[in-house]
Amino acid sequence: MSAINPLTAAAVVLATAATDAVYVMFTSAVVAKKRFPAATWSSIWYLLSSFAVISYTENWVYVGFAAVGSWIGAYASMTFLHRPPGGPPVGAAPE
């Protein structure tokens, strides 16, 4: 087993965080029955997940970094999607 490369580990965390965030957006588009956004999010999801798979198949320890990134991505995207009813959209400028 080779040594852990910190840059690769960080890239795996970021890739899996982005993958999970995109997966949540994909699922949201599917539930809303929006075909084009669902197809777009799906293609992005597979592009991101391929980096993580390729990175951690060379060394099983990267699976742990993938799990951390996955948790971060799901948590962040659910935070973004969870808005109070009737509240301003995320990113709206205050009046």
PDB file of N, CA and C in Angstrom:
ATOM      1  N   MET A   1       0.853  -1.181   0.000  1.00  0.00           N
ATOM      2  CA  MET A   1       0.000   0.000   0.000  1.00  0.00           C
ATOM      3  C   MET A   1       0.892   1.235   0.000  1.00  0.00           C
ATOM      4  N   SER A   2       0.586   2.166  -0.865  1.00  0.00           N
ATOM      5  CA  SER A   2       1.388   3.378  -0.962  1.00  0.00           C
ATOM      6  C   SER A   2       0.925   4.411   0.059  1.00  0.00           C
ATOM      7  N   ALA A   3       1.733   5.439   0.225  1.00  0.00           N
ATOM      8  CA  ALA A   3       1.413   6.502   1.180  1.00  0.00           C
ATOM      9  C   ALA A   3       0.228   7.323   0.682  1.00  0.00           C
ATOM     10  N   ILE A   4      -0.451   7.944   1.637  1.00  0.00           N
ATOM     11  CA  ILE A   4      -1.595   8.797   1.317  1.00  0.00           C
ATOM     12  C   ILE A   4      -1.081  10.138   0.806  1.00  0.00           C
ATOM     13  N   ASN A   5      -1.580  10.549  -0.340  1.00  0.00           N
ATOM     14  CA  ASN A   5      -1.239  11.850  -0.899  1.00  0.00           C
ATOM     15  C   ASN A   5      -2.291  12.842  -0.411  1.00  0.00           C
ATOM     16  N   PRO A   6      -1.902  13.842   0.396  1.00  0.00           N
ATOM     17  CA  PRO A   6      -2.882  14.789   0.943  1.00  0.00           C
ATOM     18  C   PRO A   6      -3.680  15.522  -0.129  1.00  0.00           C
ATOM     19  N   LEU A   7      -3.052  15.823  -1.241  1.00  0.00           N
ATOM     20  CA  LEU A   7      -3.767  16.515  -2.320  1.00  0.00           C
ATOM     21  C   LEU A   7      -4.850  15.608  -2.925  1.00  0.00           C
ATOM     22  N   THR A   8      -4.510  14.348  -3.130  1.00  0.00           N
ATOM     23  CA  THR A   8      -5.499  13.399  -3.650  1.00  0.00           C
ATOM     24  C   THR A   8      -6.615  13.188  -2.642  1.00  0.00           C
ATOM     25  N   ALA A   9      -6.264  13.088  -1.358  1.00  0.00           N
ATOM     26  CA  ALA A   9      -7.277  12.915  -0.320  1.00  0.00           C
ATOM     27  C   ALA A   9      -8.241  14.098  -0.304  1.00  0.00           C
ATOM     28  N   ALA A  10      -7.706  15.309  -0.386  1.00  0.00           N
ATOM     29  CA  ALA A  10      -8.561  16.509  -0.405  1.00  0.00           C
ATOM     30  C   ALA A  10      -9.422  16.535  -1.668  1.00  0.00           C
ATOM     31  N   ALA A  11      -8.856  16.132  -2.789  1.00  0.00           N
ATOM     32  CA  ALA A  11      -9.619  16.098  -4.038  1.00  0.00           C
ATOM     33  C   ALA A  11     -10.752  15.081  -3.971  1.00  0.00           C
ATOM     34  N   VAL A  12     -10.502  13.939  -3.324  1.00  0.00           N
ATOM     35  CA  VAL A  12     -11.550  12.926  -3.159  1.00  0.00           C
ATOM     36  C   VAL A  12     -12.662  13.472  -2.274  1.00  0.00           C
ATOM     37  N   VAL A  13     -12.304  14.145  -1.178  1.00  0.00           N
ATOM     38  CA  VAL A  13     -13.323  14.745  -0.299  1.00  0.00           C
ATOM     39  C   VAL A  13     -14.158  15.747  -1.088  1.00  0.00           C
ATOM     40  N   LEU A  14     -13.503  16.632  -1.831  1.00  0.00           N
ATOM     41  CA  LEU A  14     -14.230  17.632  -2.609  1.00  0.00           C
ATOM     42  C   LEU A  14     -15.087  16.997  -3.696  1.00  0.00           C
ATOM     43  N   ALA A  15     -14.556  16.004  -4.381  1.00  0.00           N
ATOM     44  CA  ALA A  15     -15.312  15.354  -5.457  1.00  0.00           C
ATOM     45  C   ALA A  15     -16.546  14.643  -4.914  1.00  0.00           C
ATOM     46  N   THR A  16     -16.399  13.947  -3.796  1.00  0.00           N
ATOM     47  CA  THR A  16     -17.556  13.247  -3.256  1.00  0.00           C
ATOM     48  C   THR A  16     -18.547  14.209  -2.612  1.00  0.00           C
ATOM     49  N   ALA A  17     -18.059  15.308  -2.034  1.00  0.00           N
ATOM     50  CA  ALA A  17     -18.980  16.325  -1.502  1.00  0.00           C
ATOM     51  C   ALA A  17     -19.803  16.907  -2.647  1.00  0.00           C
ATOM     52  N   ALA A  18     -19.134  17.238  -3.734  1.00  0.00           N
ATOM     53  CA  ALA A  18     -19.840  17.776  -4.898  1.00  0.00           C
ATOM     54  C   ALA A  18     -20.779  16.724  -5.487  1.00  0.00           C
ATOM     55  N   THR A  19     -20.340  15.474  -5.509  1.00  0.00           N
ATOM     56  CA  THR A  19     -21.174  14.393  -6.041  1.00  0.00           C
ATOM     57  C   THR A  19     -22.462  14.267  -5.248  1.00  0.00           C
ATOM     58  N   ASP A  20     -22.371  14.274  -3.935  1.00  0.00           N
ATOM     59  CA  ASP A  20     -23.579  14.151  -3.119  1.00  0.00           C
ATOM     60  C   ASP A  20     -24.477  15.366  -3.257  1.00  0.00           C
ATOM     61  N   ALA A  21     -23.887  16.549  -3.327  1.00  0.00           N
ATOM     62  CA  ALA A  21     -24.691  17.754  -3.515  1.00  0.00           C
ATOM     63  C   ALA A  21     -25.433  17.692  -4.846  1.00  0.00           C
ATOM     64  N   VAL A  22     -24.754  17.246  -5.885  1.00  0.00           N
ATOM     65  CA  VAL A  22     -25.379  17.122  -7.201  1.00  0.00           C
ATOM     66  C   VAL A  22     -26.454  16.037  -7.175  1.00  0.00           C
ATOM     67  N   TYR A  23     -26.211  14.947  -6.449  1.00  0.00           N
ATOM     68  CA  TYR A  23     -27.216  13.885  -6.339  1.00  0.00           C
ATOM     69  C   TYR A  23     -28.497  14.406  -5.701  1.00  0.00           C
ATOM     70  N   VAL A  24     -28.354  15.219  -4.667  1.00  0.00           N
ATOM     71  CA  VAL A  24     -29.540  15.801  -4.019  1.00  0.00           C
ATOM     72  C   VAL A  24     -30.280  16.704  -5.010  1.00  0.00           C
ATOM     73  N   MET A  25     -29.544  17.490  -5.785  1.00  0.00           N
ATOM     74  CA  MET A  25     -30.172  18.352  -6.782  1.00  0.00           C
ATOM     75  C   MET A  25     -30.856  17.512  -7.872  1.00  0.00           C
ATOM     76  N   PHE A  26     -30.229  16.405  -8.256  1.00  0.00           N
ATOM     77  CA  PHE A  26     -30.827  15.486  -9.227  1.00  0.00           C
ATOM     78  C   PHE A  26     -32.139  14.928  -8.683  1.00  0.00           C
ATOM     79  N   THR A  27     -32.121  14.461  -7.454  1.00  0.00           N
ATOM     80  CA  THR A  27     -33.319  13.894  -6.849  1.00  0.00           C
ATOM     81  C   THR A  27     -34.427  14.946  -6.750  1.00  0.00           C
ATOM     82  N   SER A  28     -34.059  16.163  -6.394  1.00  0.00           N
ATOM     83  CA  SER A  28     -35.032  17.249  -6.319  1.00  0.00           C
ATOM     84  C   SER A  28     -35.674  17.510  -7.684  1.00  0.00           C
ATOM     85  N   ALA A  29     -34.869  17.493  -8.739  1.00  0.00           N
ATOM     86  CA  ALA A  29     -35.397  17.701 -10.094  1.00  0.00           C
ATOM     87  C   ALA A  29     -36.310  16.558 -10.513  1.00  0.00           C
ATOM     88  N   VAL A  30     -35.964  15.328 -10.129  1.00  0.00           N
ATOM     89  CA  VAL A  30     -36.801  14.172 -10.458  1.00  0.00           C
ATOM     90  C   VAL A  30     -38.146  14.284  -9.739  1.00  0.00           C
ATOM     91  N   VAL A  31     -38.112  14.615  -8.461  1.00  0.00           N
ATOM     92  CA  VAL A  31     -39.353  14.749  -7.689  1.00  0.00           C
ATOM     93  C   VAL A  31     -40.235  15.848  -8.279  1.00  0.00           C
ATOM     94  N   ALA A  32     -39.611  16.926  -8.749  1.00  0.00           N
ATOM     95  CA  ALA A  32     -40.350  18.031  -9.365  1.00  0.00           C
ATOM     96  C   ALA A  32     -40.736  17.732 -10.816  1.00  0.00           C
ATOM     97  N   LYS A  33     -40.338  16.559 -11.320  1.00  0.00           N
ATOM     98  CA  LYS A  33     -40.632  16.130 -12.693  1.00  0.00           C
ATOM     99  C   LYS A  33     -40.117  17.114 -13.736  1.00  0.00           C
ATOM    100  N   LYS A  34     -38.895  17.581 -13.516  1.00  0.00           N
ATOM    101  CA  LYS A  34     -38.229  18.480 -14.461  1.00  0.00           C
ATOM    102  C   LYS A  34     -37.190  17.664 -15.221  1.00  0.00           C
ATOM    103  N   ARG A  35     -37.518  17.300 -16.454  1.00  0.00           N
ATOM    104  CA  ARG A  35     -36.682  16.375 -17.229  1.00  0.00           C
ATOM    105  C   ARG A  35     -35.306  16.922 -17.558  1.00  0.00           C
ATOM    106  N   PHE A  36     -35.240  18.133 -18.086  1.00  0.00           N
ATOM    107  CA  PHE A  36     -33.948  18.681 -18.499  1.00  0.00           C
ATOM    108  C   PHE A  36     -33.001  18.868 -17.310  1.00  0.00           C
ATOM    109  N   PRO A  37     -33.453  19.523 -16.215  1.00  0.00           N
ATOM    110  CA  PRO A  37     -32.552  19.633 -15.056  1.00  0.00           C
ATOM    111  C   PRO A  37     -32.152  18.267 -14.493  1.00  0.00           C
ATOM    112  N   ALA A  38     -33.074  17.311 -14.472  1.00  0.00           N
ATOM    113  CA  ALA A  38     -32.739  15.979 -13.952  1.00  0.00           C
ATOM    114  C   ALA A  38     -31.662  15.322 -14.807  1.00  0.00           C
ATOM    115  N   ALA A  39     -31.793  15.423 -16.127  1.00  0.00           N
ATOM    116  CA  ALA A  39     -30.798  14.827 -17.021  1.00  0.00           C
ATOM    117  C   ALA A  39     -29.446  15.527 -16.872  1.00  0.00           C
ATOM    118  N   THR A  40     -29.472  16.838 -16.724  1.00  0.00           N
ATOM    119  CA  THR A  40     -28.225  17.597 -16.570  1.00  0.00           C
ATOM    120  C   THR A  40     -27.529  17.237 -15.269  1.00  0.00           C
ATOM    121  N   TRP A  41     -28.284  17.239 -14.160  1.00  0.00           N
ATOM    122  CA  TRP A  41     -27.693  16.884 -12.864  1.00  0.00           C
ATOM    123  C   TRP A  41     -27.165  15.448 -12.891  1.00  0.00           C
ATOM    124  N   SER A  42     -27.869  14.548 -13.575  1.00  0.00           N
ATOM    125  CA  SER A  42     -27.428  13.161 -13.651  1.00  0.00           C
ATOM    126  C   SER A  42     -26.079  13.045 -14.357  1.00  0.00           C
ATOM    127  N   SER A  43     -25.902  13.759 -15.449  1.00  0.00           N
ATOM    128  CA  SER A  43     -24.622  13.673 -16.169  1.00  0.00           C
ATOM    129  C   SER A  43     -23.480  14.262 -15.344  1.00  0.00           C
ATOM    130  N   ILE A  44     -23.747  15.352 -14.641  1.00  0.00           N
ATOM    131  CA  ILE A  44     -22.724  15.949 -13.772  1.00  0.00           C
ATOM    132  C   ILE A  44     -22.370  14.992 -12.636  1.00  0.00           C
ATOM    133  N   TRP A  45     -23.396  14.338 -12.091  1.00  0.00           N
ATOM    134  CA  TRP A  45     -23.226  13.376 -11.000  1.00  0.00           C
ATOM    135  C   TRP A  45     -22.249  12.273 -11.422  1.00  0.00           C
ATOM    136  N   TYR A  46     -22.414  11.706 -12.600  1.00  0.00           N
ATOM    137  CA  TYR A  46     -21.528  10.636 -13.045  1.00  0.00           C
ATOM    138  C   TYR A  46     -20.119  11.127 -13.344  1.00  0.00           C
ATOM    139  N   LEU A  47     -19.983  12.323 -13.873  1.00  0.00           N
ATOM    140  CA  LEU A  47     -18.645  12.868 -14.118  1.00  0.00           C
ATOM    141  C   LEU A  47     -17.874  13.031 -12.811  1.00  0.00           C
ATOM    142  N   LEU A  48     -18.531  13.581 -11.794  1.00  0.00           N
ATOM    143  CA  LEU A  48     -17.865  13.782 -10.506  1.00  0.00           C
ATOM    144  C   LEU A  48     -17.547  12.466  -9.810  1.00  0.00           C
ATOM    145  N   SER A  49     -18.480  11.534  -9.848  1.00  0.00           N
ATOM    146  CA  SER A  49     -18.258  10.268  -9.137  1.00  0.00           C
ATOM    147  C   SER A  49     -17.132   9.463  -9.764  1.00  0.00           C
ATOM    148  N   SER A  50     -16.915   9.618 -11.058  1.00  0.00           N
ATOM    149  CA  SER A  50     -15.839   8.860 -11.706  1.00  0.00           C
ATOM    150  C   SER A  50     -14.466   9.253 -11.168  1.00  0.00           C
ATOM    151  N   PHE A  51     -14.269  10.541 -10.832  1.00  0.00           N
ATOM    152  CA  PHE A  51     -12.980  10.959 -10.267  1.00  0.00           C
ATOM    153  C   PHE A  51     -12.722  10.249  -8.941  1.00  0.00           C
ATOM    154  N   ALA A  52     -13.726  10.254  -8.069  1.00  0.00           N
ATOM    155  CA  ALA A  52     -13.549   9.626  -6.760  1.00  0.00           C
ATOM    156  C   ALA A  52     -13.288   8.136  -6.898  1.00  0.00           C
ATOM    157  N   VAL A  53     -14.013   7.458  -7.754  1.00  0.00           N
ATOM    158  CA  VAL A  53     -13.832   6.019  -7.933  1.00  0.00           C
ATOM    159  C   VAL A  53     -12.431   5.714  -8.442  1.00  0.00           C
ATOM    160  N   ILE A  54     -11.998   6.458  -9.443  1.00  0.00           N
ATOM    161  CA  ILE A  54     -10.657   6.237 -10.000  1.00  0.00           C
ATOM    162  C   ILE A  54      -9.587   6.511  -8.944  1.00  0.00           C
ATOM    163  N   SER A  55      -9.788   7.558  -8.134  1.00  0.00           N
ATOM    164  CA  SER A  55      -8.795   7.910  -7.126  1.00  0.00           C
ATOM    165  C   SER A  55      -8.687   6.872  -6.022  1.00  0.00           C
ATOM    166  N   TYR A  56      -9.827   6.421  -5.492  1.00  0.00           N
ATOM    167  CA  TYR A  56      -9.702   5.538  -4.334  1.00  0.00           C
ATOM    168  C   TYR A  56      -9.596   4.059  -4.691  1.00  0.00           C
ATOM    169  N   THR A  57      -9.746   3.677  -5.935  1.00  0.00           N
ATOM    170  CA  THR A  57      -9.516   2.269  -6.271  1.00  0.00           C
ATOM    171  C   THR A  57      -8.037   1.922  -6.254  1.00  0.00           C
ATOM    172  N   GLU A  58      -7.184   2.928  -6.359  1.00  0.00           N
ATOM    173  CA  GLU A  58      -5.749   2.667  -6.268  1.00  0.00           C
ATOM    174  C   GLU A  58      -5.310   2.435  -4.827  1.00  0.00           C
ATOM    175  N   ASN A  59      -6.062   2.951  -3.871  1.00  0.00           N
ATOM    176  CA  ASN A  59      -5.721   2.771  -2.458  1.00  0.00           C
ATOM    177  C   ASN A  59      -7.018   2.819  -1.657  1.00  0.00           C
ATOM    178  N   TRP A  60      -7.383   1.726  -1.014  1.00  0.00           N
ATOM    179  CA  TRP A  60      -8.660   1.614  -0.321  1.00  0.00           C
ATOM    180  C   TRP A  60      -8.854   2.647   0.781  1.00  0.00           C
ATOM    181  N   VAL A  61      -7.786   3.225   1.312  1.00  0.00           N
ATOM    182  CA  VAL A  61      -7.896   4.200   2.395  1.00  0.00           C
ATOM    183  C   VAL A  61      -8.668   5.440   1.938  1.00  0.00           C
ATOM    184  N   TYR A  62      -8.618   5.742   0.628  1.00  0.00           N
ATOM    185  CA  TYR A  62      -9.334   6.908   0.115  1.00  0.00           C
ATOM    186  C   TYR A  62     -10.851   6.757   0.238  1.00  0.00           C
ATOM    187  N   VAL A  63     -11.332   5.540   0.451  1.00  0.00           N
ATOM    188  CA  VAL A  63     -12.771   5.333   0.661  1.00  0.00           C
ATOM    189  C   VAL A  63     -13.226   6.134   1.881  1.00  0.00           C
ATOM    190  N   GLY A  64     -12.407   6.213   2.908  1.00  0.00           N
ATOM    191  CA  GLY A  64     -12.745   7.011   4.092  1.00  0.00           C
ATOM    192  C   GLY A  64     -12.894   8.489   3.751  1.00  0.00           C
ATOM    193  N   PHE A  65     -11.991   8.988   2.909  1.00  0.00           N
ATOM    194  CA  PHE A  65     -12.093  10.383   2.480  1.00  0.00           C
ATOM    195  C   PHE A  65     -13.347  10.586   1.625  1.00  0.00           C
ATOM    196  N   ALA A  66     -13.688   9.583   0.828  1.00  0.00           N
ATOM    197  CA  ALA A  66     -14.902   9.657   0.018  1.00  0.00           C
ATOM    198  C   ALA A  66     -16.136   9.714   0.913  1.00  0.00           C
ATOM    199  N   ALA A  67     -16.142   8.946   1.987  1.00  0.00           N
ATOM    200  CA  ALA A  67     -17.276   8.956   2.911  1.00  0.00           C
ATOM    201  C   ALA A  67     -17.433  10.319   3.591  1.00  0.00           C
ATOM    202  N   VAL A  68     -16.315  10.922   3.971  1.00  0.00           N
ATOM    203  CA  VAL A  68     -16.364  12.263   4.583  1.00  0.00           C
ATOM    204  C   VAL A  68     -16.921  13.273   3.586  1.00  0.00           C
ATOM    205  N   GLY A  69     -16.429  13.238   2.362  1.00  0.00           N
ATOM    206  CA  GLY A  69     -16.931  14.153   1.341  1.00  0.00           C
ATOM    207  C   GLY A  69     -18.397  13.938   1.048  1.00  0.00           C
ATOM    208  N   SER A  70     -18.824  12.691   1.029  1.00  0.00           N
ATOM    209  CA  SER A  70     -20.224  12.366   0.791  1.00  0.00           C
ATOM    210  C   SER A  70     -21.115  12.969   1.873  1.00  0.00           C
ATOM    211  N   TRP A  71     -20.703  12.842   3.114  1.00  0.00           N
ATOM    212  CA  TRP A  71     -21.475  13.404   4.234  1.00  0.00           C
ATOM    213  C   TRP A  71     -21.563  14.925   4.106  1.00  0.00           C
ATOM    214  N   ILE A  72     -20.437  15.564   3.811  1.00  0.00           N
ATOM    215  CA  ILE A  72     -20.406  17.026   3.676  1.00  0.00           C
ATOM    216  C   ILE A  72     -21.335  17.477   2.543  1.00  0.00           C
ATOM    217  N   GLY A  73     -21.259  16.816   1.411  1.00  0.00           N
ATOM    218  CA  GLY A  73     -22.079  17.193   0.266  1.00  0.00           C
ATOM    219  C   GLY A  73     -23.562  17.052   0.527  1.00  0.00           C
ATOM    220  N   ALA A  74     -23.963  15.946   1.128  1.00  0.00           N
ATOM    221  CA  ALA A  74     -25.387  15.741   1.423  1.00  0.00           C
ATOM    222  C   ALA A  74     -25.873  16.762   2.448  1.00  0.00           C
ATOM    223  N   TYR A  75     -25.091  17.000   3.475  1.00  0.00           N
ATOM    224  CA  TYR A  75     -25.489  17.954   4.513  1.00  0.00           C
ATOM    225  C   TYR A  75     -25.614  19.369   3.946  1.00  0.00           C
ATOM    226  N   ALA A  76     -24.624  19.781   3.166  1.00  0.00           N
ATOM    227  CA  ALA A  76     -24.635  21.132   2.601  1.00  0.00           C
ATOM    228  C   ALA A  76     -25.789  21.321   1.624  1.00  0.00           C
ATOM    229  N   SER A  77     -26.026  20.338   0.775  1.00  0.00           N
ATOM    230  CA  SER A  77     -27.106  20.493  -0.199  1.00  0.00           C
ATOM    231  C   SER A  77     -28.473  20.456   0.464  1.00  0.00           C
ATOM    232  N   MET A  78     -28.645  19.657   1.496  1.00  0.00           N
ATOM    233  CA  MET A  78     -29.918  19.657   2.214  1.00  0.00           C
ATOM    234  C   MET A  78     -30.119  20.978   2.946  1.00  0.00           C
ATOM    235  N   THR A  79     -29.046  21.561   3.446  1.00  0.00           N
ATOM    236  CA  THR A  79     -29.141  22.879   4.084  1.00  0.00           C
ATOM    237  C   THR A  79     -29.574  23.916   3.056  1.00  0.00           C
ATOM    238  N   PHE A  80     -29.013  23.846   1.855  1.00  0.00           N
ATOM    239  CA  PHE A  80     -29.361  24.778   0.780  1.00  0.00           C
ATOM    240  C   PHE A  80     -30.824  24.615   0.370  1.00  0.00           C
ATOM    241  N   LEU A  81     -31.284  23.366   0.256  1.00  0.00           N
ATOM    242  CA  LEU A  81     -32.657  23.119  -0.184  1.00  0.00           C
ATOM    243  C   LEU A  81     -33.697  23.367   0.900  1.00  0.00           C
ATOM    244  N   HIS A  82     -33.308  23.294   2.156  1.00  0.00           N
ATOM    245  CA  HIS A  82     -34.264  23.439   3.257  1.00  0.00           C
ATOM    246  C   HIS A  82     -34.431  24.916   3.590  1.00  0.00           C
ATOM    247  N   ARG A  83     -35.445  25.519   2.992  1.00  0.00           N
ATOM    248  CA  ARG A  83     -35.739  26.927   3.235  1.00  0.00           C
ATOM    249  C   ARG A  83     -37.080  27.018   3.926  1.00  0.00           C
ATOM    250  N   PRO A  84     -37.256  27.999   4.785  1.00  0.00           N
ATOM    251  CA  PRO A  84     -38.558  28.149   5.420  1.00  0.00           C
ATOM    252  C   PRO A  84     -39.620  28.508   4.380  1.00  0.00           C
ATOM    253  N   PRO A  85     -40.838  27.950   4.501  1.00  0.00           N
ATOM    254  CA  PRO A  85     -41.896  28.267   3.545  1.00  0.00           C
ATOM    255  C   PRO A  85     -42.187  29.768   3.530  1.00  0.00           C
ATOM    256  N   GLY A  86     -42.319  30.307   2.338  1.00  0.00           N
ATOM    257  CA  GLY A  86     -42.648  31.731   2.203  1.00  0.00           C
ATOM    258  C   GLY A  86     -41.482  32.668   2.404  1.00  0.00           C
ATOM    259  N   GLY A  87     -40.314  32.121   2.731  1.00  0.00           N
ATOM    260  CA  GLY A  87     -39.149  32.965   2.939  1.00  0.00           C
ATOM    261  C   GLY A  87     -38.533  33.361   1.619  1.00  0.00           C
ATOM    262  N   PRO A  88     -37.590  34.281   1.645  1.00  0.00           N
ATOM    263  CA  PRO A  88     -36.943  34.708   0.393  1.00  0.00           C
ATOM    264  C   PRO A  88     -36.101  33.570  -0.155  1.00  0.00           C
ATOM    265  N   PRO A  89     -35.922  33.523  -1.474  1.00  0.00           N
ATOM    266  CA  PRO A  89     -35.055  32.502  -2.049  1.00  0.00           C
ATOM    267  C   PRO A  89     -33.611  32.676  -1.591  1.00  0.00           C
ATOM    268  N   VAL A  90     -32.891  31.587  -1.580  1.00  0.00           N
ATOM    269  CA  VAL A  90     -31.487  31.639  -1.190  1.00  0.00           C
ATOM    270  C   VAL A  90     -30.755  32.594  -2.127  1.00  0.00           C
ATOM    271  N   GLY A  91     -29.981  33.495  -1.554  1.00  0.00           N
ATOM    272  CA  GLY A  91     -29.206  34.448  -2.346  1.00  0.00           C
ATOM    273  C   GLY A  91     -29.954  35.729  -2.670  1.00  0.00           C
ATOM    274  N   ALA A  92     -31.203  35.834  -2.224  1.00  0.00           N
ATOM    275  CA  ALA A  92     -31.964  37.054  -2.511  1.00  0.00           C
ATOM    276  C   ALA A  92     -31.396  38.208  -1.694  1.00  0.00           C
ATOM    277  N   ALA A  93     -31.346  39.372  -2.314  1.00  0.00           N
ATOM    278  CA  ALA A  93     -30.824  40.554  -1.636  1.00  0.00           C
ATOM    279  C   ALA A  93     -31.860  41.060  -0.629  1.00  0.00           C
ATOM    280  N   PRO A  94     -31.417  41.447   0.563  1.00  0.00           N
ATOM    281  CA  PRO A  94     -32.353  41.982   1.551  1.00  0.00           C
ATOM    282  C   PRO A  94     -32.884  43.351   1.088  1.00  0.00           C
ATOM    283  N   GLU A  95     -34.118  43.616   1.475  1.00  0.00           N
ATOM    284  CA  GLU A  95     -34.714  44.902   1.089  1.00  0.00           C
ATOM    285  C   GLU A  95     -34.350  45.993   2.060  1.00  0.00           C
TER     286      GLU A  95
END
